[in-house]
Amino acid sequence: LTFKQISKKLKKNGVLICFDRGMPNHVTKKPVSYT
Protein backbone atom coordinates (compact mmCIF):
# COMPACT_ATOMS: atom_id res chain seq x y z
CA LEU A 1 0.00 0.00 0.00
CA THR A 2 2.83 2.40 0.84
CA PHE A 3 4.48 1.99 -2.55
CA LYS A 4 1.11 2.35 -4.31
CA GLN A 5 0.52 5.63 -2.47
CA ILE A 6 4.02 6.87 -3.29
CA SER A 7 3.51 5.98 -6.96
CA LYS A 8 0.25 7.96 -7.05
CA LYS A 9 1.99 11.10 -5.81
CA LEU A 10 4.87 10.94 -8.28
CA LYS A 11 4.64 12.49 -11.73
CA LYS A 12 5.30 10.30 -14.75
CA ASN A 13 8.99 9.29 -14.57
CA GLY A 14 9.13 10.52 -10.96
CA VAL A 15 11.68 8.90 -8.67
CA LEU A 16 11.67 7.53 -5.13
CA ILE A 17 15.05 8.09 -3.47
CA CYS A 18 15.17 5.89 -0.42
CA PHE A 19 17.88 5.78 2.23
CA ASP A 20 16.63 3.21 4.66
CA ARG A 21 17.41 0.05 6.53
CA GLY A 22 16.94 -3.10 4.56
CA MET A 23 17.85 -6.49 5.94
CA PRO A 24 16.87 -9.99 4.91
CA ASN A 25 14.51 -11.68 7.37
CA HIS A 26 17.23 -14.09 8.51
CA VAL A 27 19.38 -11.25 9.92
CA THR A 28 19.03 -11.09 13.68
CA LYS A 29 18.80 -7.87 15.66
CA LYS A 30 22.31 -8.29 17.09
CA PRO A 31 24.26 -7.40 13.89
CA VAL A 32 21.85 -4.55 13.22
CA SER A 33 22.18 -3.06 16.70
CA TYR A 34 24.98 -0.60 17.30
CA THR A 35 24.89 -1.12 21.06
Full PDB file with SEQRES, HELIX, SHEET, SSBOND, CRYST1, ORIGX, SCALE, CONECT and MASTER records, all heavy atoms in Angstrom:
SEQRES   1 A   35  LEU THR PHE LYS GLN ILE SER LYS LYS LEU LYS LYS ASN          
SEQRES   2 A   35  GLY VAL LEU ILE CYS PHE ASP ARG GLY MET PRO ASN HIS          
SEQRES   3 A   35  VAL THR LYS LYS PRO VAL SER TYR THR                          
HELIX    1 AA1 THR A    2  LYS A    9  1                                   8    
HELIX    2 AA2 LYS A   29  VAL A   32  1                                   4    
CRYST1    1.000    1.000    1.000  90.00  90.00  90.00 P 1           1          
ORIGX1      1.000000  0.000000  0.000000        0.00000                         
ORIGX2      0.000000  1.000000  0.000000        0.00000                         
ORIGX3      0.000000  0.000000  1.000000        0.00000                         
SCALE1      1.000000  0.000000  0.000000        0.00000                         
SCALE2      0.000000  1.000000  0.000000        0.00000                         
SCALE3      0.000000  0.000000  1.000000        0.00000                         
ATOM      1  N   LEU A   1       0.831  -1.200   0.000  1.00  0.00           N  
ATOM      2  CA  LEU A   1       0.000   0.000   0.000  1.00  0.00           C  
ATOM      3  C   LEU A   1       0.874   1.261   0.000  1.00  0.00           C  
ATOM      4  O   LEU A   1       0.593   2.219  -0.726  1.00  0.00           O  
ATOM      5  CB  LEU A   1      -0.930   0.007   1.215  1.00  0.00           C  
ATOM      6  CG  LEU A   1      -1.829   1.226   1.376  1.00  0.00           C  
ATOM      7  CD1 LEU A   1      -2.713   1.429   0.152  1.00  0.00           C  
ATOM      8  CD2 LEU A   1      -2.664   1.096   2.643  1.00  0.00           C  
ATOM      9  N   THR A   2       1.929   1.249   0.772  1.00  0.00           N  
ATOM     10  CA  THR A   2       2.826   2.400   0.842  1.00  0.00           C  
ATOM     11  C   THR A   2       3.403   2.734  -0.530  1.00  0.00           C  
ATOM     12  O   THR A   2       3.380   3.890  -0.962  1.00  0.00           O  
ATOM     13  CB  THR A   2       3.961   2.142   1.851  1.00  0.00           C  
ATOM     14  OG1 THR A   2       3.385   1.991   3.153  1.00  0.00           O  
ATOM     15  CG2 THR A   2       4.971   3.271   1.857  1.00  0.00           C  
ATOM     16  N   PHE A   3       3.903   1.731  -1.241  1.00  0.00           N  
ATOM     17  CA  PHE A   3       4.481   1.991  -2.554  1.00  0.00           C  
ATOM     18  C   PHE A   3       3.417   2.393  -3.579  1.00  0.00           C  
ATOM     19  O   PHE A   3       3.686   3.191  -4.483  1.00  0.00           O  
ATOM     20  CB  PHE A   3       5.313   0.805  -3.033  1.00  0.00           C  
ATOM     21  CG  PHE A   3       6.647   0.727  -2.341  1.00  0.00           C  
ATOM     22  CD1 PHE A   3       6.921  -0.283  -1.444  1.00  0.00           C  
ATOM     23  CD2 PHE A   3       7.619   1.690  -2.563  1.00  0.00           C  
ATOM     24  CE1 PHE A   3       8.143  -0.341  -0.789  1.00  0.00           C  
ATOM     25  CE2 PHE A   3       8.848   1.645  -1.915  1.00  0.00           C  
ATOM     26  CZ  PHE A   3       9.105   0.629  -1.020  1.00  0.00           C  
ATOM     27  N   LYS A   4       2.203   1.906  -3.432  1.00  0.00           N  
ATOM     28  CA  LYS A   4       1.108   2.352  -4.314  1.00  0.00           C  
ATOM     29  C   LYS A   4       0.820   3.830  -4.068  1.00  0.00           C  
ATOM     30  O   LYS A   4       0.627   4.600  -5.012  1.00  0.00           O  
ATOM     31  CB  LYS A   4      -0.150   1.529  -4.067  1.00  0.00           C  
ATOM     32  CG  LYS A   4      -0.086   0.144  -4.659  1.00  0.00           C  
ATOM     33  CD  LYS A   4      -1.348  -0.643  -4.353  1.00  0.00           C  
ATOM     34  CE  LYS A   4      -1.171  -2.074  -4.814  1.00  0.00           C  
ATOM     35  NZ  LYS A   4      -2.290  -2.925  -4.388  1.00  0.00           N  
ATOM     36  N   GLN A   5       0.781   4.233  -2.806  1.00  0.00           N  
ATOM     37  CA  GLN A   5       0.523   5.629  -2.465  1.00  0.00           C  
ATOM     38  C   GLN A   5       1.639   6.537  -2.977  1.00  0.00           C  
ATOM     39  O   GLN A   5       1.386   7.612  -3.515  1.00  0.00           O  
ATOM     40  CB  GLN A   5       0.348   5.801  -0.956  1.00  0.00           C  
ATOM     41  CG  GLN A   5      -0.911   5.175  -0.407  1.00  0.00           C  
ATOM     42  CD  GLN A   5      -2.156   5.795  -1.001  1.00  0.00           C  
ATOM     43  OE1 GLN A   5      -2.297   7.018  -1.067  1.00  0.00           O  
ATOM     44  NE2 GLN A   5      -3.060   4.965  -1.490  1.00  0.00           N  
ATOM     45  N   ILE A   6       2.878   6.101  -2.798  1.00  0.00           N  
ATOM     46  CA  ILE A   6       4.017   6.874  -3.293  1.00  0.00           C  
ATOM     47  C   ILE A   6       3.928   7.029  -4.807  1.00  0.00           C  
ATOM     48  O   ILE A   6       4.107   8.120  -5.347  1.00  0.00           O  
ATOM     49  CB  ILE A   6       5.342   6.207  -2.874  1.00  0.00           C  
ATOM     50  CG1 ILE A   6       5.565   6.403  -1.366  1.00  0.00           C  
ATOM     51  CG2 ILE A   6       6.518   6.751  -3.684  1.00  0.00           C  
ATOM     52  CD1 ILE A   6       6.712   5.592  -0.803  1.00  0.00           C  
ATOM     53  N   SER A   7       3.620   5.941  -5.495  1.00  0.00           N  
ATOM     54  CA  SER A   7       3.511   5.980  -6.961  1.00  0.00           C  
ATOM     55  C   SER A   7       2.440   6.955  -7.423  1.00  0.00           C  
ATOM     56  O   SER A   7       2.611   7.643  -8.432  1.00  0.00           O  
ATOM     57  CB  SER A   7       3.198   4.590  -7.507  1.00  0.00           C  
ATOM     58  OG  SER A   7       4.270   3.725  -7.288  1.00  0.00           O  
ATOM     59  N   LYS A   8       1.333   7.037  -6.693  1.00  0.00           N  
ATOM     60  CA  LYS A   8       0.255   7.959  -7.052  1.00  0.00           C  
ATOM     61  C   LYS A   8       0.692   9.409  -6.949  1.00  0.00           C  
ATOM     62  O   LYS A   8       0.238  10.259  -7.715  1.00  0.00           O  
ATOM     63  CB  LYS A   8      -0.959   7.732  -6.141  1.00  0.00           C  
ATOM     64  CG  LYS A   8      -1.766   6.506  -6.471  1.00  0.00           C  
ATOM     65  CD  LYS A   8      -2.860   6.236  -5.469  1.00  0.00           C  
ATOM     66  CE  LYS A   8      -3.748   7.419  -5.224  1.00  0.00           C  
ATOM     67  NZ  LYS A   8      -4.880   7.124  -4.317  1.00  0.00           N  
ATOM     68  N   LYS A   9       1.568   9.717  -6.023  1.00  0.00           N  
ATOM     69  CA  LYS A   9       1.988  11.105  -5.805  1.00  0.00           C  
ATOM     70  C   LYS A   9       3.058  11.557  -6.789  1.00  0.00           C  
ATOM     71  O   LYS A   9       3.199  12.747  -7.055  1.00  0.00           O  
ATOM     72  CB  LYS A   9       2.501  11.304  -4.377  1.00  0.00           C  
ATOM     73  CG  LYS A   9       1.507  10.926  -3.306  1.00  0.00           C  
ATOM     74  CD  LYS A   9       0.172  11.618  -3.498  1.00  0.00           C  
ATOM     75  CE  LYS A   9      -0.873  11.067  -2.556  1.00  0.00           C  
ATOM     76  NZ  LYS A   9      -2.191  11.642  -2.775  1.00  0.00           N  
ATOM     77  N   LEU A  10       3.797  10.609  -7.348  1.00  0.00           N  
ATOM     78  CA  LEU A  10       4.873  10.944  -8.284  1.00  0.00           C  
ATOM     79  C   LEU A  10       4.330  11.248  -9.679  1.00  0.00           C  
ATOM     80  O   LEU A  10       3.405  10.599 -10.150  1.00  0.00           O  
ATOM     81  CB  LEU A  10       5.873   9.788  -8.378  1.00  0.00           C  
ATOM     82  CG  LEU A  10       6.746   9.556  -7.155  1.00  0.00           C  
ATOM     83  CD1 LEU A  10       7.499   8.242  -7.291  1.00  0.00           C  
ATOM     84  CD2 LEU A  10       7.708  10.716  -6.950  1.00  0.00           C  
ATOM     85  N   LYS A  11       4.940  12.230 -10.327  1.00  0.00           N  
ATOM     86  CA  LYS A  11       4.641  12.492 -11.729  1.00  0.00           C  
ATOM     87  C   LYS A  11       5.175  11.339 -12.568  1.00  0.00           C  
ATOM     88  O   LYS A  11       5.978  10.534 -12.092  1.00  0.00           O  
ATOM     89  CB  LYS A  11       5.332  13.779 -12.185  1.00  0.00           C  
ATOM     90  CG  LYS A  11       4.816  15.033 -11.532  1.00  0.00           C  
ATOM     91  CD  LYS A  11       5.608  16.241 -12.023  1.00  0.00           C  
ATOM     92  CE  LYS A  11       5.170  17.515 -11.350  1.00  0.00           C  
ATOM     93  NZ  LYS A  11       6.011  18.661 -11.757  1.00  0.00           N  
ATOM     94  N   LYS A  12       4.757  11.300 -13.829  1.00  0.00           N  
ATOM     95  CA  LYS A  12       5.298  10.299 -14.751  1.00  0.00           C  
ATOM     96  C   LYS A  12       6.820  10.443 -14.761  1.00  0.00           C  
ATOM     97  O   LYS A  12       7.351  11.551 -14.838  1.00  0.00           O  
ATOM     98  CB  LYS A  12       4.741  10.508 -16.158  1.00  0.00           C  
ATOM     99  CG  LYS A  12       5.184   9.453 -17.111  1.00  0.00           C  
ATOM    100  CD  LYS A  12       4.575   9.657 -18.483  1.00  0.00           C  
ATOM    101  CE  LYS A  12       5.047   8.552 -19.396  1.00  0.00           C  
ATOM    102  NZ  LYS A  12       4.529   8.693 -20.736  1.00  0.00           N  
ATOM    103  N   ASN A  13       7.524   9.336 -14.645  1.00  0.00           N  
ATOM    104  CA  ASN A  13       8.985   9.286 -14.567  1.00  0.00           C  
ATOM    105  C   ASN A  13       9.539   9.883 -13.272  1.00  0.00           C  
ATOM    106  O   ASN A  13      10.724  10.169 -13.183  1.00  0.00           O  
ATOM    107  CB  ASN A  13       9.645   9.955 -15.778  1.00  0.00           C  
ATOM    108  CG  ASN A  13       9.297   9.254 -17.072  1.00  0.00           C  
ATOM    109  OD1 ASN A  13       9.254   8.027 -17.136  1.00  0.00           O  
ATOM    110  ND2 ASN A  13       9.023  10.019 -18.108  1.00  0.00           N  
ATOM    111  N   GLY A  14       8.669  10.071 -12.264  1.00  0.00           N  
ATOM    112  CA  GLY A  14       9.126  10.523 -10.958  1.00  0.00           C  
ATOM    113  C   GLY A  14       9.952   9.432 -10.283  1.00  0.00           C  
ATOM    114  O   GLY A  14       9.903   8.266 -10.663  1.00  0.00           O  
ATOM    115  N   VAL A  15      10.711   9.816  -9.285  1.00  0.00           N  
ATOM    116  CA  VAL A  15      11.676   8.902  -8.672  1.00  0.00           C  
ATOM    117  C   VAL A  15      11.506   8.880  -7.154  1.00  0.00           C  
ATOM    118  O   VAL A  15      11.335   9.937  -6.533  1.00  0.00           O  
ATOM    119  CB  VAL A  15      13.116   9.357  -9.014  1.00  0.00           C  
ATOM    120  CG1 VAL A  15      14.145   8.484  -8.332  1.00  0.00           C  
ATOM    121  CG2 VAL A  15      13.334   9.367 -10.508  1.00  0.00           C  
ATOM    122  N   LEU A  16      11.576   7.695  -6.578  1.00  0.00           N  
ATOM    123  CA  LEU A  16      11.667   7.532  -5.129  1.00  0.00           C  
ATOM    124  C   LEU A  16      13.137   7.332  -4.789  1.00  0.00           C  
ATOM    125  O   LEU A  16      13.785   6.417  -5.288  1.00  0.00           O  
ATOM    126  CB  LEU A  16      10.857   6.322  -4.654  1.00  0.00           C  
ATOM    127  CG  LEU A  16      11.082   5.898  -3.198  1.00  0.00           C  
ATOM    128  CD1 LEU A  16      10.670   6.999  -2.227  1.00  0.00           C  
ATOM    129  CD2 LEU A  16      10.342   4.606  -2.912  1.00  0.00           C  
ATOM    130  N   ILE A  17      13.676   8.214  -3.949  1.00  0.00           N  
ATOM    131  CA  ILE A  17      15.053   8.087  -3.469  1.00  0.00           C  
ATOM    132  C   ILE A  17      14.938   7.661  -2.014  1.00  0.00           C  
ATOM    133  O   ILE A  17      14.397   8.397  -1.191  1.00  0.00           O  
ATOM    134  CB  ILE A  17      15.808   9.423  -3.583  1.00  0.00           C  
ATOM    135  CG1 ILE A  17      15.771   9.928  -5.025  1.00  0.00           C  
ATOM    136  CG2 ILE A  17      17.239   9.281  -3.067  1.00  0.00           C  
ATOM    137  CD1 ILE A  17      16.158  11.380  -5.175  1.00  0.00           C  
ATOM    138  N   CYS A  18      15.418   6.480  -1.731  1.00  0.00           N  
ATOM    139  CA  CYS A  18      15.165   5.889  -0.424  1.00  0.00           C  
ATOM    140  C   CYS A  18      16.474   5.505   0.261  1.00  0.00           C  
ATOM    141  O   CYS A  18      17.225   4.681  -0.254  1.00  0.00           O  
ATOM    142  CB  CYS A  18      14.282   4.654  -0.615  1.00  0.00           C  
ATOM    143  SG  CYS A  18      13.732   3.899   0.897  1.00  0.00           S  
ATOM    144  N   PHE A  19      16.744   6.143   1.377  1.00  0.00           N  
ATOM    145  CA  PHE A  19      17.881   5.781   2.228  1.00  0.00           C  
ATOM    146  C   PHE A  19      17.289   5.171   3.485  1.00  0.00           C  
ATOM    147  O   PHE A  19      16.777   5.886   4.347  1.00  0.00           O  
ATOM    148  CB  PHE A  19      18.708   7.023   2.595  1.00  0.00           C  
ATOM    149  CG  PHE A  19      19.329   7.700   1.419  1.00  0.00           C  
ATOM    150  CD1 PHE A  19      18.702   8.759   0.803  1.00  0.00           C  
ATOM    151  CD2 PHE A  19      20.549   7.255   0.928  1.00  0.00           C  
ATOM    152  CE1 PHE A  19      19.281   9.392  -0.283  1.00  0.00           C  
ATOM    153  CE2 PHE A  19      21.134   7.876  -0.166  1.00  0.00           C  
ATOM    154  CZ  PHE A  19      20.489   8.953  -0.769  1.00  0.00           C  
ATOM    155  N   ASP A  20      17.318   3.871   3.560  1.00  0.00           N  
ATOM    156  CA  ASP A  20      16.634   3.212   4.664  1.00  0.00           C  
ATOM    157  C   ASP A  20      17.305   1.899   4.994  1.00  0.00           C  
ATOM    158  O   ASP A  20      18.151   1.415   4.256  1.00  0.00           O  
ATOM    159  CB  ASP A  20      15.173   2.965   4.283  1.00  0.00           C  
ATOM    160  CG  ASP A  20      14.249   3.008   5.487  1.00  0.00           C  
ATOM    161  OD1 ASP A  20      14.606   2.439   6.534  1.00  0.00           O  
ATOM    162  OD2 ASP A  20      13.173   3.592   5.368  1.00  0.00           O  
ATOM    163  N   ARG A  21      16.889   1.351   6.103  1.00  0.00           N  
ATOM    164  CA  ARG A  21      17.405   0.050   6.526  1.00  0.00           C  
ATOM    165  C   ARG A  21      16.735  -1.038   5.696  1.00  0.00           C  
ATOM    166  O   ARG A  21      15.545  -0.998   5.473  1.00  0.00           O  
ATOM    167  CB  ARG A  21      17.068  -0.203   7.988  1.00  0.00           C  
ATOM    168  CG  ARG A  21      17.517   0.885   8.880  1.00  0.00           C  
ATOM    169  CD  ARG A  21      16.824   0.765  10.219  1.00  0.00           C  
ATOM    170  NE  ARG A  21      16.842   2.065  10.851  1.00  0.00           N  
ATOM    171  CZ  ARG A  21      17.043   2.250  12.131  1.00  0.00           C  
ATOM    172  NH1 ARG A  21      17.191   1.217  12.921  1.00  0.00           N  
ATOM    173  NH2 ARG A  21      17.063   3.449  12.630  1.00  0.00           N  
ATOM    174  N   GLY A  22      17.493  -1.972   5.286  1.00  0.00           N  
ATOM    175  CA  GLY A  22      16.944  -3.102   4.562  1.00  0.00           C  
ATOM    176  C   GLY A  22      17.765  -4.335   4.882  1.00  0.00           C  
ATOM    177  O   GLY A  22      18.947  -4.387   4.579  1.00  0.00           O  
ATOM    178  N   MET A  23      17.155  -5.273   5.537  1.00  0.00           N  
ATOM    179  CA  MET A  23      17.851  -6.490   5.937  1.00  0.00           C  
ATOM    180  C   MET A  23      16.998  -7.702   5.560  1.00  0.00           C  
ATOM    181  O   MET A  23      15.779  -7.657   5.688  1.00  0.00           O  
ATOM    182  CB  MET A  23      18.060  -6.517   7.457  1.00  0.00           C  
ATOM    183  CG  MET A  23      18.732  -5.326   8.043  1.00  0.00           C  
ATOM    184  SD  MET A  23      20.463  -5.299   7.603  1.00  0.00           S  
ATOM    185  CE  MET A  23      20.936  -3.712   8.238  1.00  0.00           C  
ATOM    186  N   PRO A  24      17.628  -8.760   5.135  1.00  0.00           N  
ATOM    187  CA  PRO A  24      16.874  -9.986   4.912  1.00  0.00           C  
ATOM    188  C   PRO A  24      16.275 -10.468   6.233  1.00  0.00           C  
ATOM    189  O   PRO A  24      16.797 -10.175   7.310  1.00  0.00           O  
ATOM    190  CB  PRO A  24      17.923 -10.984   4.406  1.00  0.00           C  
ATOM    191  CG  PRO A  24      19.104 -10.165   4.009  1.00  0.00           C  
ATOM    192  CD  PRO A  24      19.039  -8.899   4.795  1.00  0.00           C  
ATOM    193  N   ASN A  25      15.192 -11.201   6.166  1.00  0.00           N  
ATOM    194  CA  ASN A  25      14.511 -11.680   7.374  1.00  0.00           C  
ATOM    195  C   ASN A  25      15.392 -12.540   8.262  1.00  0.00           C  
ATOM    196  O   ASN A  25      15.171 -12.614   9.466  1.00  0.00           O  
ATOM    197  CB  ASN A  25      13.242 -12.451   7.009  1.00  0.00           C  
ATOM    198  CG  ASN A  25      12.163 -11.535   6.492  1.00  0.00           C  
ATOM    199  OD1 ASN A  25      12.157 -10.349   6.787  1.00  0.00           O  
ATOM    200  ND2 ASN A  25      11.249 -12.073   5.725  1.00  0.00           N  
ATOM    201  N   HIS A  26      16.409 -13.203   7.701  1.00  0.00           N  
ATOM    202  CA  HIS A  26      17.231 -14.087   8.513  1.00  0.00           C  
ATOM    203  C   HIS A  26      18.276 -13.337   9.350  1.00  0.00           C  
ATOM    204  O   HIS A  26      18.924 -13.915  10.202  1.00  0.00           O  
ATOM    205  CB  HIS A  26      17.930 -15.146   7.637  1.00  0.00           C  
ATOM    206  CG  HIS A  26      18.945 -14.566   6.696  1.00  0.00           C  
ATOM    207  ND1 HIS A  26      18.597 -14.110   5.436  1.00  0.00           N  
ATOM    208  CD2 HIS A  26      20.273 -14.345   6.828  1.00  0.00           C  
ATOM    209  CE1 HIS A  26      19.684 -13.647   4.837  1.00  0.00           C  
ATOM    210  NE2 HIS A  26      20.706 -13.769   5.659  1.00  0.00           N  
ATOM    211  N   VAL A  27      18.420 -12.027   9.135  1.00  0.00           N  
ATOM    212  CA  VAL A  27      19.375 -11.251   9.920  1.00  0.00           C  
ATOM    213  C   VAL A  27      18.770 -10.988  11.293  1.00  0.00           C  
ATOM    214  O   VAL A  27      17.645 -10.504  11.403  1.00  0.00           O  
ATOM    215  CB  VAL A  27      19.713  -9.914   9.224  1.00  0.00           C  
ATOM    216  CG1 VAL A  27      20.605  -9.049  10.110  1.00  0.00           C  
ATOM    217  CG2 VAL A  27      20.382 -10.173   7.893  1.00  0.00           C  
ATOM    218  N   THR A  28      19.519 -11.313  12.327  1.00  0.00           N  
ATOM    219  CA  THR A  28      19.030 -11.085  13.680  1.00  0.00           C  
ATOM    220  C   THR A  28      19.236  -9.629  14.073  1.00  0.00           C  
ATOM    221  O   THR A  28      19.946  -8.889  13.399  1.00  0.00           O  
ATOM    222  CB  THR A  28      19.774 -11.985  14.694  1.00  0.00           C  
ATOM    223  OG1 THR A  28      21.149 -11.590  14.716  1.00  0.00           O  
ATOM    224  CG2 THR A  28      19.655 -13.450  14.315  1.00  0.00           C  
ATOM    225  N   LYS A  29      18.671  -9.248  15.193  1.00  0.00           N  
ATOM    226  CA  LYS A  29      18.801  -7.869  15.655  1.00  0.00           C  
ATOM    227  C   LYS A  29      20.215  -7.554  16.128  1.00  0.00           C  
ATOM    228  O   LYS A  29      20.635  -6.413  16.108  1.00  0.00           O  
ATOM    229  CB  LYS A  29      17.809  -7.594  16.779  1.00  0.00           C  
ATOM    230  CG  LYS A  29      16.379  -7.525  16.278  1.00  0.00           C  
ATOM    231  CD  LYS A  29      15.433  -7.136  17.384  1.00  0.00           C  
ATOM    232  CE  LYS A  29      14.026  -7.052  16.833  1.00  0.00           C  
ATOM    233  NZ  LYS A  29      13.079  -6.596  17.821  1.00  0.00           N  
ATOM    234  N   LYS A  30      20.976  -8.551  16.552  1.00  0.00           N  
ATOM    235  CA  LYS A  30      22.310  -8.292  17.087  1.00  0.00           C  
ATOM    236  C   LYS A  30      23.230  -7.596  16.077  1.00  0.00           C  
ATOM    237  O   LYS A  30      23.827  -6.572  16.408  1.00  0.00           O  
ATOM    238  CB  LYS A  30      22.951  -9.578  17.600  1.00  0.00           C  
ATOM    239  CG  LYS A  30      24.283  -9.330  18.276  1.00  0.00           C  
ATOM    240  CD  LYS A  30      24.864 -10.595  18.873  1.00  0.00           C  
ATOM    241  CE  LYS A  30      26.197 -10.284  19.528  1.00  0.00           C  
ATOM    242  NZ  LYS A  30      26.824 -11.467  20.077  1.00  0.00           N  
ATOM    243  N   PRO A  31      23.378  -8.101  14.829  1.00  0.00           N  
ATOM    244  CA  PRO A  31      24.258  -7.397  13.890  1.00  0.00           C  
ATOM    245  C   PRO A  31      23.735  -6.015  13.496  1.00  0.00           C  
ATOM    246  O   PRO A  31      24.503  -5.147  13.111  1.00  0.00           O  
ATOM    247  CB  PRO A  31      24.310  -8.301  12.672  1.00  0.00           C  
ATOM    248  CG  PRO A  31      23.739  -9.593  13.069  1.00  0.00           C  
ATOM    249  CD  PRO A  31      22.884  -9.345  14.274  1.00  0.00           C  
ATOM    250  N   VAL A  32      22.445  -5.806  13.611  1.00  0.00           N  
ATOM    251  CA  VAL A  32      21.846  -4.546  13.221  1.00  0.00           C  
ATOM    252  C   VAL A  32      22.026  -3.502  14.322  1.00  0.00           C  
ATOM    253  O   VAL A  32      22.161  -2.322  14.069  1.00  0.00           O  
ATOM    254  CB  VAL A  32      20.349  -4.729  12.902  1.00  0.00           C  
ATOM    255  CG1 VAL A  32      19.692  -3.397  12.568  1.00  0.00           C  
ATOM    256  CG2 VAL A  32      20.184  -5.713  11.757  1.00  0.00           C  
ATOM    257  N   SER A  33      22.083  -3.955  15.559  1.00  0.00           N  
ATOM    258  CA  SER A  33      22.184  -3.062  16.695  1.00  0.00           C  
ATOM    259  C   SER A  33      23.597  -2.502  16.822  1.00  0.00           C  
ATOM    260  O   SER A  33      24.586  -3.222  16.675  1.00  0.00           O  
ATOM    261  CB  SER A  33      21.823  -3.809  17.985  1.00  0.00           C  
ATOM    262  OG  SER A  33      22.109  -3.017  19.103  1.00  0.00           O  
ATOM    263  N   TYR A  34      23.677  -1.226  17.118  1.00  0.00           N  
ATOM    264  CA  TYR A  34      24.985  -0.604  17.303  1.00  0.00           C  
ATOM    265  C   TYR A  34      25.424  -0.651  18.755  1.00  0.00           C  
ATOM    266  O   TYR A  34      26.505  -0.261  19.080  1.00  0.00           O  
ATOM    267  CB  TYR A  34      24.946   0.849  16.822  1.00  0.00           C  
ATOM    268  CG  TYR A  34      24.698   0.940  15.342  1.00  0.00           C  
ATOM    269  CD1 TYR A  34      23.456   1.276  14.836  1.00  0.00           C  
ATOM    270  CD2 TYR A  34      25.721   0.671  14.426  1.00  0.00           C  
ATOM    271  CE1 TYR A  34      23.234   1.354  13.477  1.00  0.00           C  
ATOM    272  CE2 TYR A  34      25.500   0.740  13.064  1.00  0.00           C  
ATOM    273  CZ  TYR A  34      24.251   1.084  12.600  1.00  0.00           C  
ATOM    274  OH  TYR A  34      24.035   1.151  11.263  1.00  0.00           O  
ATOM    275  N   THR A  35      24.558  -1.126  19.634  1.00  0.00           N  
ATOM    276  CA  THR A  35      24.885  -1.117  21.062  1.00  0.00           C  
ATOM    277  C   THR A  35      25.964  -2.135  21.419  1.00  0.00           C  
ATOM    278  O   THR A  35      26.617  -1.991  22.430  1.00  0.00           O  
ATOM    279  CB  THR A  35      23.657  -1.394  21.914  1.00  0.00           C  
ATOM    280  OG1 THR A  35      23.102  -2.663  21.547  1.00  0.00           O  
ATOM    281  CG2 THR A  35      22.608  -0.295  21.726  1.00  0.00           C  
TER     282      THR A  35                                                      
MASTER        0    0    0    2    0    0    0    6  281    1    0    3          
END                                                                             
